[in-house]
């Protein structure tokens, strides 16, 4: 690559990196290159519409190679935090491009952690970048290291060295649930996104716990009813119901029970779902889970046997017979 061409690539990396760190409403990697989007120019190959940014995949891959060549010489200074302001900006923008093109690039992600630890990158800004990054494409939405990075940022921002782990306001965590569901639409049955759900339920203030769990449970019921094959979401629905049941048993007179998450209600919900969608094995696993909490096994067996005959029902009946022995 000629010096002029490299200078042009570096200018684009900074232009795009600066844009990403201004936190547009959303960032999306879109298919094709400049030729597929006539409105784009080589000087600014990014679609902008109402605060939303779209970056053509071919443009991003070209900048990725240049960003790697610029990033590698900076890595030797990572441990000692020895960066000038210009190097910090270069590190920030090259890692943004690298991660957008290759979400599994652990070294680039660790470099951003170093920037946060050094105070050159603020946690709220990195949380905003991470949110847009997770939603940018399927590969990003499913990456465990990006979700782990988000948890690290939330702990650093709200918990720090605090002994109590439950220190994140419910309003913040509600937005995390929005992010989980959005990423689960981008990448269905998103295991690592739903693992973040568990993190959120563990981090909420205790005085806000019941109201937060209630709202989360109701949202998850609606999600499962629209996404009946999402077995990870169903697993978390069952666990959230169990936590609500425990809190309800311990409730004081001042606690108003806002949702019916009793074992019988969960069983009725599971029965309604398998009746409507009898071919989805994930729903039968949900039914088997809630059967364990119901008191009357005879009643459970009777209702399960009333369902239309199929292989899943046969297996469920066999399981009920074994578990009752």
C-alpha atoms as a PDB file:
ATOM      1  CA  UNK A   1       0.000   0.000   0.000  1.00  0.00           C
ATOM      2  CA  UNK A   2       1.375   3.436  -0.943  1.00  0.00           C
ATOM      3  CA  UNK A   3       1.941   6.101   1.675  1.00  0.00           C
ATOM      4  CA  UNK A   4      -0.898   8.212   0.259  1.00  0.00           C
ATOM      5  CA  UNK A   5      -3.305   5.280   0.283  1.00  0.00           C
ATOM      6  CA  UNK A   6      -2.342   4.382   3.861  1.00  0.00           C
ATOM      7  CA  UNK A   7      -2.842   7.995   4.970  1.00  0.00           C
ATOM      8  CA  UNK A   8      -6.290   7.882   3.412  1.00  0.00           C
ATOM      9  CA  UNK A   9      -7.102   4.629   5.266  1.00  0.00           C
ATOM     10  CA  UNK A  10      -5.857   6.074   8.571  1.00  0.00           C
ATOM     11  CA  UNK A  11      -8.020   9.164   8.069  1.00  0.00           C
ATOM     12  CA  UNK A  12     -11.045   6.912   7.466  1.00  0.00           C
ATOM     13  CA  UNK A  13     -10.266   4.838  10.560  1.00  0.00           C
ATOM     14  CA  UNK A  14     -10.225   7.972  12.698  1.00  0.00           C
ATOM     15  CA  UNK A  15     -13.355   9.358  11.045  1.00  0.00           C
ATOM     16  CA  UNK A  16     -15.282   6.134  11.563  1.00  0.00           C
ATOM     17  CA  UNK A  17     -13.804   5.506  15.037  1.00  0.00           C
ATOM     18  CA  UNK A  18     -14.716   9.007  16.196  1.00  0.00           C
ATOM     19  CA  UNK A  19     -18.252   8.474  14.876  1.00  0.00           C
ATOM     20  CA  UNK A  20     -18.600   5.169  16.751  1.00  0.00           C
ATOM     21  CA  UNK A  21     -17.473   6.808  19.993  1.00  0.00           C
ATOM     22  CA  UNK A  22     -19.980   9.620  19.587  1.00  0.00           C
ATOM     23  CA  UNK A  23     -22.504   6.813  20.254  1.00  0.00           C
ATOM     24  CA  UNK A  24     -25.046   6.938  17.428  1.00  0.00           C
ATOM     25  CA  UNK A  25     -28.484   5.497  18.204  1.00  0.00           C
ATOM     26  CA  UNK A  26     -27.432   2.235  16.559  1.00  0.00           C
ATOM     27  CA  UNK A  27     -24.624   0.744  14.507  1.00  0.00           C
ATOM     28  CA  UNK A  28     -25.156  -1.973  11.909  1.00  0.00           C
ATOM     29  CA  UNK A  29     -22.779  -3.800   9.586  1.00  0.00           C
ATOM     30  CA  UNK A  30     -24.638  -3.804   6.267  1.00  0.00           C
ATOM     31  CA  UNK A  31     -23.907  -6.043   3.255  1.00  0.00           C
ATOM     32  CA  UNK A  32     -21.890  -5.003   0.212  1.00  0.00           C
ATOM     33  CA  UNK A  33     -19.437  -2.202  -0.465  1.00  0.00           C
ATOM     34  CA  UNK A  34     -19.350   1.310  -1.873  1.00  0.00           C
ATOM     35  CA  UNK A  35     -20.675   0.188  -5.244  1.00  0.00           C
ATOM     36  CA  UNK A  36     -23.802  -1.250  -3.632  1.00  0.00           C
ATOM     37  CA  UNK A  37     -24.698   2.010  -1.897  1.00  0.00           C
ATOM     38  CA  UNK A  38     -24.602   4.857  -4.474  1.00  0.00           C
ATOM     39  CA  UNK A  39     -25.127   7.553  -1.849  1.00  0.00           C
ATOM     40  CA  UNK A  40     -21.787   6.735  -0.143  1.00  0.00           C
ATOM     41  CA  UNK A  41     -18.437   8.328  -1.008  1.00  0.00           C
ATOM     42  CA  UNK A  42     -14.861   7.088  -0.447  1.00  0.00           C
ATOM     43  CA  UNK A  43     -14.319  10.054   1.883  1.00  0.00           C
ATOM     44  CA  UNK A  44     -17.217   9.024   4.168  1.00  0.00           C
ATOM     45  CA  UNK A  45     -18.443   5.478   3.410  1.00  0.00           C
ATOM     46  CA  UNK A  46     -21.078   5.336   6.165  1.00  0.00           C
ATOM     47  CA  UNK A  47     -24.853   5.522   5.927  1.00  0.00           C
ATOM     48  CA  UNK A  48     -26.381   7.887   8.481  1.00  0.00           C
ATOM     49  CA  UNK A  49     -30.142   8.079   8.966  1.00  0.00           C
ATOM     50  CA  UNK A  50     -31.800   9.620  12.014  1.00  0.00           C
ATOM     51  CA  UNK A  51     -28.756   8.952  14.164  1.00  0.00           C
ATOM     52  CA  UNK A  52     -28.354   5.354  12.982  1.00  0.00           C
ATOM     53  CA  UNK A  53     -25.080   4.311  11.315  1.00  0.00           C
ATOM     54  CA  UNK A  54     -24.658   1.614   8.656  1.00  0.00           C
ATOM     55  CA  UNK A  55     -21.161   0.456   7.656  1.00  0.00           C
ATOM     56  CA  UNK A  56     -20.755  -1.641   4.479  1.00  0.00           C
ATOM     57  CA  UNK A  57     -19.067  -4.941   5.233  1.00  0.00           C
ATOM     58  CA  UNK A  58     -16.477  -4.665   2.438  1.00  0.00           C
ATOM     59  CA  UNK A  59     -15.439  -1.204   3.620  1.00  0.00           C
ATOM     60  CA  UNK A  60     -15.114  -2.472   7.185  1.00  0.00           C
ATOM     61  CA  UNK A  61     -12.952  -5.434   6.151  1.00  0.00           C
ATOM     62  CA  UNK A  62     -10.613  -3.161   4.197  1.00  0.00           C
ATOM     63  CA  UNK A  63     -10.205  -0.853   7.189  1.00  0.00           C
ATOM     64  CA  UNK A  64      -9.766  -3.875   9.476  1.00  0.00           C
ATOM     65  CA  UNK A  65      -6.501  -4.880   7.784  1.00  0.00           C
ATOM     66  CA  UNK A  66      -5.133  -1.363   8.092  1.00  0.00           C
ATOM     67  CA  UNK A  67      -6.294  -1.078  11.718  1.00  0.00           C
ATOM     68  CA  UNK A  68      -4.471  -4.314  12.601  1.00  0.00           C
ATOM     69  CA  UNK A  69      -1.195  -3.002  11.170  1.00  0.00           C
ATOM     70  CA  UNK A  70      -1.563   0.189  13.235  1.00  0.00           C
ATOM     71  CA  UNK A  71      -2.703  -1.570  16.401  1.00  0.00           C
ATOM     72  CA  UNK A  72       0.051  -4.174  16.690  1.00  0.00           C
ATOM     73  CA  UNK A  73       2.945  -1.711  17.356  1.00  0.00           C
ATOM     74  CA  UNK A  74       0.923  -0.110  20.179  1.00  0.00           C
ATOM     75  CA  UNK A  75       0.488  -3.398  22.050  1.00  0.00           C
ATOM     76  CA  UNK A  76       3.982  -3.217  23.605  1.00  0.00           C
ATOM     77  CA  UNK A  77       2.901  -0.206  25.673  1.00  0.00           C
ATOM     78  CA  UNK A  78      -0.283  -1.762  27.050  1.00  0.00           C
ATOM     79  CA  UNK A  79       1.052  -2.968  30.395  1.00  0.00           C
ATOM     80  CA  UNK A  80       2.700   0.324  31.335  1.00  0.00           C
ATOM     81  CA  UNK A  81      -0.083   2.612  30.085  1.00  0.00           C
ATOM     82  CA  UNK A  82       2.594   4.534  28.156  1.00  0.00           C
ATOM     83  CA  UNK A  83       0.524   6.327  25.532  1.00  0.00           C
ATOM     84  CA  UNK A  84       0.503   9.855  24.252  1.00  0.00           C
ATOM     85  CA  UNK A  85      -2.862  11.451  23.509  1.00  0.00           C
ATOM     86  CA  UNK A  86      -2.351  10.640  19.829  1.00  0.00           C
ATOM     87  CA  UNK A  87      -1.564   7.005  20.621  1.00  0.00           C
ATOM     88  CA  UNK A  88      -4.615   6.756  22.875  1.00  0.00           C
ATOM     89  CA  UNK A  89      -6.849   7.998  20.089  1.00  0.00           C
ATOM     90  CA  UNK A  90      -5.212   5.590  17.653  1.00  0.00           C
ATOM     91  CA  UNK A  91      -5.668   2.708  20.101  1.00  0.00           C
ATOM     92  CA  UNK A  92      -9.293   3.643  20.725  1.00  0.00           C
ATOM     93  CA  UNK A  93     -10.214   3.930  17.049  1.00  0.00           C
ATOM     94  CA  UNK A  94      -8.248   0.939  15.742  1.00  0.00           C
ATOM     95  CA  UNK A  95      -9.720  -1.363  18.398  1.00  0.00           C
ATOM     96  CA  UNK A  96     -13.209  -0.100  17.528  1.00  0.00           C
ATOM     97  CA  UNK A  97     -12.696  -1.069  13.873  1.00  0.00           C
ATOM     98  CA  UNK A  98     -11.017  -4.378  14.744  1.00  0.00           C
ATOM     99  CA  UNK A  99     -13.802  -5.437  17.104  1.00  0.00           C
ATOM    100  CA  UNK A 100     -16.551  -4.390  14.732  1.00  0.00           C
ATOM    101  CA  UNK A 101     -15.007  -6.576  12.017  1.00  0.00           C
ATOM    102  CA  UNK A 102     -13.820  -9.362  14.350  1.00  0.00           C
ATOM    103  CA  UNK A 103     -15.873  -9.434  17.593  1.00  0.00           C
ATOM    104  CA  UNK A 104     -13.779 -12.308  18.991  1.00  0.00           C
ATOM    105  CA  UNK A 105     -10.506 -10.308  18.997  1.00  0.00           C
ATOM    106  CA  UNK A 106      -9.633 -10.698  22.691  1.00  0.00           C
ATOM    107  CA  UNK A 107      -6.440  -8.566  22.539  1.00  0.00           C
ATOM    108  CA  UNK A 108      -8.310  -5.570  21.143  1.00  0.00           C
ATOM    109  CA  UNK A 109     -10.939  -5.931  23.852  1.00  0.00           C
ATOM    110  CA  UNK A 110      -8.284  -6.162  26.563  1.00  0.00           C
ATOM    111  CA  UNK A 111      -6.720  -2.981  25.184  1.00  0.00           C
ATOM    112  CA  UNK A 112     -10.003  -1.164  25.731  1.00  0.00           C
ATOM    113  CA  UNK A 113     -10.052  -2.491  29.299  1.00  0.00           C
ATOM    114  CA  UNK A 114      -6.607  -0.933  29.757  1.00  0.00           C
ATOM    115  CA  UNK A 115      -7.918   2.362  28.454  1.00  0.00           C
ATOM    116  CA  UNK A 116     -10.777   2.217  30.964  1.00  0.00           C
ATOM    117  CA  UNK A 117      -8.395   1.367  33.825  1.00  0.00           C
ATOM    118  CA  UNK A 118      -6.104   4.223  32.857  1.00  0.00           C
ATOM    119  CA  UNK A 119      -8.978   6.724  32.869  1.00  0.00           C
ATOM    120  CA  UNK A 120      -8.558   7.540  29.164  1.00  0.00           C
ATOM    121  CA  UNK A 121     -11.887   5.864  28.343  1.00  0.00           C
ATOM    122  CA  UNK A 122     -14.898   6.486  30.581  1.00  0.00           C
ATOM    123  CA  UNK A 123     -17.067   3.533  31.575  1.00  0.00           C
ATOM    124  CA  UNK A 124     -20.396   5.087  30.377  1.00  0.00           C
ATOM    125  CA  UNK A 125     -18.873   5.726  26.952  1.00  0.00           C
ATOM    126  CA  UNK A 126     -17.554   2.168  26.720  1.00  0.00           C
ATOM    127  CA  UNK A 127     -20.928   0.790  27.839  1.00  0.00           C
ATOM    128  CA  UNK A 128     -22.559   2.749  25.011  1.00  0.00           C
ATOM    129  CA  UNK A 129     -20.021   1.503  22.475  1.00  0.00           C
ATOM    130  CA  UNK A 130     -20.429  -2.054  23.723  1.00  0.00           C
ATOM    131  CA  UNK A 131     -24.228  -1.834  23.444  1.00  0.00           C
ATOM    132  CA  UNK A 132     -24.026  -0.682  19.817  1.00  0.00           C
ATOM    133  CA  UNK A 133     -21.330  -3.267  19.112  1.00  0.00           C
ATOM    134  CA  UNK A 134     -23.440  -6.151  20.449  1.00  0.00           C
ATOM    135  CA  UNK A 135     -26.356  -5.099  18.243  1.00  0.00           C
ATOM    136  CA  UNK A 136     -24.265  -4.480  15.105  1.00  0.00           C
ATOM    137  CA  UNK A 137     -24.464  -8.029  13.645  1.00  0.00           C
ATOM    138  CA  UNK A 138     -25.136 -11.696  14.472  1.00  0.00           C
ATOM    139  CA  UNK A 139     -21.482 -12.469  15.204  1.00  0.00           C
ATOM    140  CA  UNK A 140     -21.271  -9.690  17.780  1.00  0.00           C
ATOM    141  CA  UNK A 141     -24.596 -10.528  19.452  1.00  0.00           C
ATOM    142  CA  UNK A 142     -23.479 -14.075  20.305  1.00  0.00           C
ATOM    143  CA  UNK A 143     -19.914 -13.367  21.505  1.00  0.00           C
ATOM    144  CA  UNK A 144     -19.350 -14.406  25.125  1.00  0.00           C
ATOM    145  CA  UNK A 145     -16.335 -12.098  25.543  1.00  0.00           C
ATOM    146  CA  UNK A 146     -18.467  -9.052  24.675  1.00  0.00           C
ATOM    147  CA  UNK A 147     -21.078  -9.997  27.275  1.00  0.00           C
ATOM    148  CA  UNK A 148     -18.333 -10.658  29.838  1.00  0.00           C
ATOM    149  CA  UNK A 149     -16.844  -7.265  29.026  1.00  0.00           C
ATOM    150  CA  UNK A 150     -20.229  -5.648  29.624  1.00  0.00           C
ATOM    151  CA  UNK A 151     -20.539  -7.311  33.036  1.00  0.00           C
ATOM    152  CA  UNK A 152     -17.023  -6.132  33.908  1.00  0.00           C
ATOM    153  CA  UNK A 153     -17.979  -2.557  32.981  1.00  0.00           C
ATOM    154  CA  UNK A 154     -21.206  -2.659  35.015  1.00  0.00           C
ATOM    155  CA  UNK A 155     -19.364  -3.989  38.061  1.00  0.00           C
ATOM    156  CA  UNK A 156     -16.713  -1.301  37.711  1.00  0.00           C
ATOM    157  CA  UNK A 157     -19.300   1.460  37.336  1.00  0.00           C
ATOM    158  CA  UNK A 158     -21.754   0.463  40.075  1.00  0.00           C
ATOM    159  CA  UNK A 159     -20.061  -1.960  42.446  1.00  0.00           C
ATOM    160  CA  UNK A 160     -16.296  -1.453  42.478  1.00  0.00           C
ATOM    161  CA  UNK A 161     -14.820  -2.726  45.728  1.00  0.00           C
ATOM    162  CA  UNK A 162     -18.197  -2.747  47.460  1.00  0.00           C
ATOM    163  CA  UNK A 163     -18.710  -5.913  49.508  1.00  0.00           C
ATOM    164  CA  UNK A 164     -22.387  -6.169  48.567  1.00  0.00           C
ATOM    165  CA  UNK A 165     -22.817  -7.428  44.980  1.00  0.00           C
ATOM    166  CA  UNK A 166     -26.396  -6.146  44.684  1.00  0.00           C
ATOM    167  CA  UNK A 167     -25.732  -2.526  43.886  1.00  0.00           C
ATOM    168  CA  UNK A 168     -27.038  -1.753  40.386  1.00  0.00           C
ATOM    169  CA  UNK A 169     -30.249   0.317  40.152  1.00  0.00           C
ATOM    170  CA  UNK A 170     -33.250  -1.481  38.683  1.00  0.00           C
ATOM    171  CA  UNK A 171     -33.715   1.243  36.048  1.00  0.00           C
ATOM    172  CA  UNK A 172     -30.243   0.455  34.672  1.00  0.00           C
ATOM    173  CA  UNK A 173     -30.916  -3.284  34.674  1.00  0.00           C
ATOM    174  CA  UNK A 174     -34.241  -2.845  32.862  1.00  0.00           C
ATOM    175  CA  UNK A 175     -32.266  -1.394  29.948  1.00  0.00           C
ATOM    176  CA  UNK A 176     -29.993  -4.433  30.116  1.00  0.00           C
ATOM    177  CA  UNK A 177     -33.059  -6.653  29.670  1.00  0.00           C
ATOM    178  CA  UNK A 178     -33.990  -4.591  26.590  1.00  0.00           C
ATOM    179  CA  UNK A 179     -30.523  -5.270  25.209  1.00  0.00           C
ATOM    180  CA  UNK A 180     -30.790  -9.009  25.911  1.00  0.00           C
ATOM    181  CA  UNK A 181     -34.056  -9.282  24.008  1.00  0.00           C
ATOM    182  CA  UNK A 182     -32.805  -7.217  21.094  1.00  0.00           C
ATOM    183  CA  UNK A 183     -29.676  -9.363  20.760  1.00  0.00           C
ATOM    184  CA  UNK A 184     -31.832 -12.491  21.001  1.00  0.00           C
ATOM    185  CA  UNK A 185     -33.787 -11.242  18.007  1.00  0.00           C
ATOM    186  CA  UNK A 186     -30.552 -10.673  16.081  1.00  0.00           C
ATOM    187  CA  UNK A 187     -29.207 -14.102  17.059  1.00  0.00           C
ATOM    188  CA  UNK A 188     -32.020 -16.483  18.163  1.00  0.00           C
ATOM    189  CA  UNK A 189     -31.592 -18.757  21.187  1.00  0.00           C
ATOM    190  CA  UNK A 190     -28.733 -16.556  22.332  1.00  0.00           C
ATOM    191  CA  UNK A 191     -27.171 -18.453  25.250  1.00  0.00           C
ATOM    192  CA  UNK A 192     -24.702 -15.751  26.319  1.00  0.00           C
ATOM    193  CA  UNK A 193     -27.317 -12.994  26.156  1.00  0.00           C
ATOM    194  CA  UNK A 194     -29.603 -14.991  28.460  1.00  0.00           C
ATOM    195  CA  UNK A 195     -26.655 -15.675  30.796  1.00  0.00           C
ATOM    196  CA  UNK A 196     -26.524 -11.883  31.149  1.00  0.00           C
ATOM    197  CA  UNK A 197     -30.179 -12.078  32.259  1.00  0.00           C
ATOM    198  CA  UNK A 198     -29.055 -14.199  35.212  1.00  0.00           C
ATOM    199  CA  UNK A 199     -26.369 -11.612  36.017  1.00  0.00           C
ATOM    200  CA  UNK A 200     -28.995  -8.836  36.020  1.00  0.00           C
ATOM    201  CA  UNK A 201     -31.269 -10.730  38.409  1.00  0.00           C
ATOM    202  CA  UNK A 202     -28.338 -11.216  40.803  1.00  0.00           C
ATOM    203  CA  UNK A 203     -27.227  -7.567  40.738  1.00  0.00           C
ATOM    204  CA  UNK A 204     -30.444  -5.693  41.558  1.00  0.00           C
ATOM    205  CA  UNK A 205     -30.886  -3.854  44.874  1.00  0.00           C
ATOM    206  CA  UNK A 206     -32.661  -6.109  47.380  1.00  0.00           C
ATOM    207  CA  UNK A 207     -35.337  -3.493  48.145  1.00  0.00           C
ATOM    208  CA  UNK A 208     -36.177  -3.374  44.420  1.00  0.00           C
ATOM    209  CA  UNK A 209     -35.898  -7.116  43.867  1.00  0.00           C
ATOM    210  CA  UNK A 210     -39.548  -8.193  43.948  1.00  0.00           C
ATOM    211  CA  UNK A 211     -40.814  -5.446  41.641  1.00  0.00           C
ATOM    212  CA  UNK A 212     -37.910  -6.006  39.274  1.00  0.00           C
ATOM    213  CA  UNK A 213     -38.437  -9.784  39.200  1.00  0.00           C
ATOM    214  CA  UNK A 214     -42.162  -9.310  38.606  1.00  0.00           C
ATOM    215  CA  UNK A 215     -41.601  -7.035  35.611  1.00  0.00           C
ATOM    216  CA  UNK A 216     -38.852  -9.315  34.280  1.00  0.00           C
ATOM    217  CA  UNK A 217     -41.048 -12.399  34.654  1.00  0.00           C
ATOM    218  CA  UNK A 218     -43.973 -10.838  32.789  1.00  0.00           C
ATOM    219  CA  UNK A 219     -41.678  -9.720  29.965  1.00  0.00           C
ATOM    220  CA  UNK A 220     -40.149 -13.168  29.752  1.00  0.00           C
ATOM    221  CA  UNK A 221     -43.583 -14.837  29.628  1.00  0.00           C
ATOM    222  CA  UNK A 222     -44.422 -12.687  26.596  1.00  0.00           C
ATOM    223  CA  UNK A 223     -41.052 -13.446  24.999  1.00  0.00           C
ATOM    224  CA  UNK A 224     -41.450 -17.213  25.407  1.00  0.00           C
ATOM    225  CA  UNK A 225     -44.958 -17.109  23.962  1.00  0.00           C
ATOM    226  CA  UNK A 226     -43.530 -15.407  20.848  1.00  0.00           C
ATOM    227  CA  UNK A 227     -40.334 -17.511  20.717  1.00  0.00           C
ATOM    228  CA  UNK A 228     -41.410 -21.023  21.674  1.00  0.00           C
ATOM    229  CA  UNK A 229     -38.182 -22.697  20.543  1.00  0.00           C
ATOM    230  CA  UNK A 230     -35.928 -20.487  22.693  1.00  0.00           C
ATOM    231  CA  UNK A 231     -35.056 -23.146  25.280  1.00  0.00           C
ATOM    232  CA  UNK A 232     -32.546 -20.887  27.097  1.00  0.00           C
ATOM    233  CA  UNK A 233     -35.201 -18.224  27.658  1.00  0.00           C
ATOM    234  CA  UNK A 234     -37.586 -20.928  28.882  1.00  0.00           C
ATOM    235  CA  UNK A 235     -34.954 -22.108  31.368  1.00  0.00           C
ATOM    236  CA  UNK A 236     -34.645 -18.581  32.754  1.00  0.00           C
ATOM    237  CA  UNK A 237     -38.438 -18.199  32.836  1.00  0.00           C
ATOM    238  CA  UNK A 238     -38.671 -21.240  35.103  1.00  0.00           C
ATOM    239  CA  UNK A 239     -35.844 -20.023  37.363  1.00  0.00           C
ATOM    240  CA  UNK A 240     -37.368 -16.540  37.618  1.00  0.00           C
ATOM    241  CA  UNK A 241     -40.710 -18.087  38.613  1.00  0.00           C
ATOM    242  CA  UNK A 242     -38.957 -20.145  41.306  1.00  0.00           C
ATOM    243  CA  UNK A 243     -37.345 -17.012  42.744  1.00  0.00           C
ATOM    244  CA  UNK A 244     -40.692 -15.228  42.791  1.00  0.00           C
ATOM    245  CA  UNK A 245     -42.245 -18.208  44.570  1.00  0.00           C
ATOM    246  CA  UNK A 246     -39.518 -18.087  47.237  1.00  0.00           C
ATOM    247  CA  UNK A 247     -39.994 -14.357  47.803  1.00  0.00           C
ATOM    248  CA  UNK A 248     -43.786 -14.759  47.961  1.00  0.00           C
ATOM    249  CA  UNK A 249     -43.424 -17.395  50.685  1.00  0.00           C
ATOM    250  CA  UNK A 250     -41.237 -15.014  52.683  1.00  0.00           C
ATOM    251  CA  UNK A 251     -43.382 -11.960  51.987  1.00  0.00           C
ATOM    252  CA  UNK A 252     -44.293  -9.525  54.697  1.00  0.00           C
ATOM    253  CA  UNK A 253     -47.687  -7.914  55.107  1.00  0.00           C
ATOM    254  CA  UNK A 254     -46.434  -4.860  53.208  1.00  0.00           C
ATOM    255  CA  UNK A 255     -45.511  -6.881  50.089  1.00  0.00           C
ATOM    256  CA  UNK A 256     -48.296  -6.937  47.541  1.00  0.00           C
ATOM    257  CA  UNK A 257     -48.138  -9.979  45.264  1.00  0.00           C
ATOM    258  CA  UNK A 258     -48.374  -8.562  41.734  1.00  0.00           C
ATOM    259  CA  UNK A 259     -48.166 -11.671  39.545  1.00  0.00           C
ATOM    260  CA  UNK A 260     -49.264 -15.280  39.785  1.00  0.00           C
ATOM    261  CA  UNK A 261     -46.066 -17.307  39.442  1.00  0.00           C
ATOM    262  CA  UNK A 262     -47.225 -20.167  41.657  1.00  0.00           C
ATOM    263  CA  UNK A 263     -46.399 -23.752  40.621  1.00  0.00           C
ATOM    264  CA  UNK A 264     -50.003 -24.295  39.512  1.00  0.00           C
ATOM    265  CA  UNK A 265     -49.982 -21.125  37.369  1.00  0.00           C
ATOM    266  CA  UNK A 266     -46.670 -22.166  35.770  1.00  0.00           C
ATOM    267  CA  UNK A 267     -48.066 -25.648  35.080  1.00  0.00           C
ATOM    268  CA  UNK A 268     -51.191 -24.182  33.469  1.00  0.00           C
ATOM    269  CA  UNK A 269     -49.001 -21.889  31.367  1.00  0.00           C
ATOM    270  CA  UNK A 270     -46.824 -24.783  30.197  1.00  0.00           C
ATOM    271  CA  UNK A 271     -49.889 -26.892  29.404  1.00  0.00           C
ATOM    272  CA  UNK A 272     -51.371 -24.074  27.329  1.00  0.00           C
ATOM    273  CA  UNK A 273     -48.151 -23.745  25.356  1.00  0.00           C
ATOM    274  CA  UNK A 274     -47.704 -27.466  24.607  1.00  0.00           C
ATOM    275  CA  UNK A 275     -51.382 -27.672  23.636  1.00  0.00           C
ATOM    276  CA  UNK A 276     -50.864 -24.884  21.115  1.00  0.00           C
ATOM    277  CA  UNK A 277     -47.388 -25.927  19.888  1.00  0.00           C
ATOM    278  CA  UNK A 278     -47.136 -29.688  20.559  1.00  0.00           C
ATOM    279  CA  UNK A 279     -44.131 -30.276  18.262  1.00  0.00           C
ATOM    280  CA  UNK A 280     -41.710 -27.983  20.144  1.00  0.00           C
ATOM    281  CA  UNK A 281     -39.534 -30.081  22.440  1.00  0.00           C
ATOM    282  CA  UNK A 282     -38.415 -26.981  24.370  1.00  0.00           C
ATOM    283  CA  UNK A 283     -41.982 -26.506  25.651  1.00  0.00           C
ATOM    284  CA  UNK A 284     -42.212 -30.115  26.789  1.00  0.00           C
ATOM    285  CA  UNK A 285     -38.978 -29.619  28.749  1.00  0.00           C
ATOM    286  CA  UNK A 286     -40.626 -26.588  30.349  1.00  0.00           C
ATOM    287  CA  UNK A 287     -43.669 -28.723  31.214  1.00  0.00           C
ATOM    288  CA  UNK A 288     -41.473 -31.402  32.789  1.00  0.00           C
ATOM    289  CA  UNK A 289     -39.671 -28.772  34.868  1.00  0.00           C
ATOM    290  CA  UNK A 290     -42.850 -27.242  36.289  1.00  0.00           C
ATOM    291  CA  UNK A 291     -44.350 -30.706  36.911  1.00  0.00           C
ATOM    292  CA  UNK A 292     -41.711 -31.213  39.602  1.00  0.00           C
ATOM    293  CA  UNK A 293     -43.229 -28.405  41.689  1.00  0.00           C
ATOM    294  CA  UNK A 294     -46.887 -29.380  41.513  1.00  0.00           C
ATOM    295  CA  UNK A 295     -48.455 -31.192  44.442  1.00  0.00           C
ATOM    296  CA  UNK A 296     -50.883 -33.591  42.759  1.00  0.00           C
ATOM    297  CA  UNK A 297     -49.060 -36.009  40.454  1.00  0.00           C
ATOM    298  CA  UNK A 298     -52.340 -37.774  39.602  1.00  0.00           C
ATOM    299  CA  UNK A 299     -53.827 -34.523  38.360  1.00  0.00           C
ATOM    300  CA  UNK A 300     -50.657 -33.765  36.395  1.00  0.00           C
ATOM    301  CA  UNK A 301     -50.693 -37.202  34.763  1.00  0.00           C
ATOM    302  CA  UNK A 302     -54.374 -36.891  33.895  1.00  0.00           C
ATOM    303  CA  UNK A 303     -53.904 -33.534  32.192  1.00  0.00           C
ATOM    304  CA  UNK A 304     -50.760 -34.577  30.333  1.00  0.00           C
ATOM    305  CA  UNK A 305     -52.504 -37.712  29.070  1.00  0.00           C
ATOM    306  CA  UNK A 306     -55.345 -35.552  27.766  1.00  0.00           C
ATOM    307  CA  UNK A 307     -52.943 -33.856  25.333  1.00  0.00           C
ATOM    308  CA  UNK A 308     -52.862 -35.013  21.680  1.00  0.00           C
ATOM    309  CA  UNK A 309     -50.729 -38.105  21.106  1.00  0.00           C
ATOM    310  CA  UNK A 310     -47.168 -37.566  19.844  1.00  0.00           C
ATOM    311  CA  UNK A 311     -43.617 -38.679  20.648  1.00  0.00           C
ATOM    312  CA  UNK A 312     -43.029 -35.811  23.083  1.00  0.00           C
ATOM    313  CA  UNK A 313     -46.137 -36.642  25.072  1.00  0.00           C
ATOM    314  CA  UNK A 314     -45.134 -40.321  25.222  1.00  0.00           C
ATOM    315  CA  UNK A 315     -41.709 -39.407  26.601  1.00  0.00           C
ATOM    316  CA  UNK A 316     -43.250 -37.019  29.119  1.00  0.00           C
ATOM    317  CA  UNK A 317     -45.613 -39.730  30.414  1.00  0.00           C
ATOM    318  CA  UNK A 318     -42.724 -42.186  30.753  1.00  0.00           C
ATOM    319  CA  UNK A 319     -40.739 -39.557  32.643  1.00  0.00           C
ATOM    320  CA  UNK A 320     -43.667 -38.856  34.987  1.00  0.00           C
ATOM    321  CA  UNK A 321     -44.054 -42.562  35.712  1.00  0.00           C
ATOM    322  CA  UNK A 322     -40.350 -42.939  36.538  1.00  0.00           C
ATOM    323  CA  UNK A 323     -40.200 -39.812  38.679  1.00  0.00           C
ATOM    324  CA  UNK A 324     -43.233 -40.871  40.741  1.00  0.00           C
ATOM    325  CA  UNK A 325     -41.706 -44.220  41.690  1.00  0.00           C
END
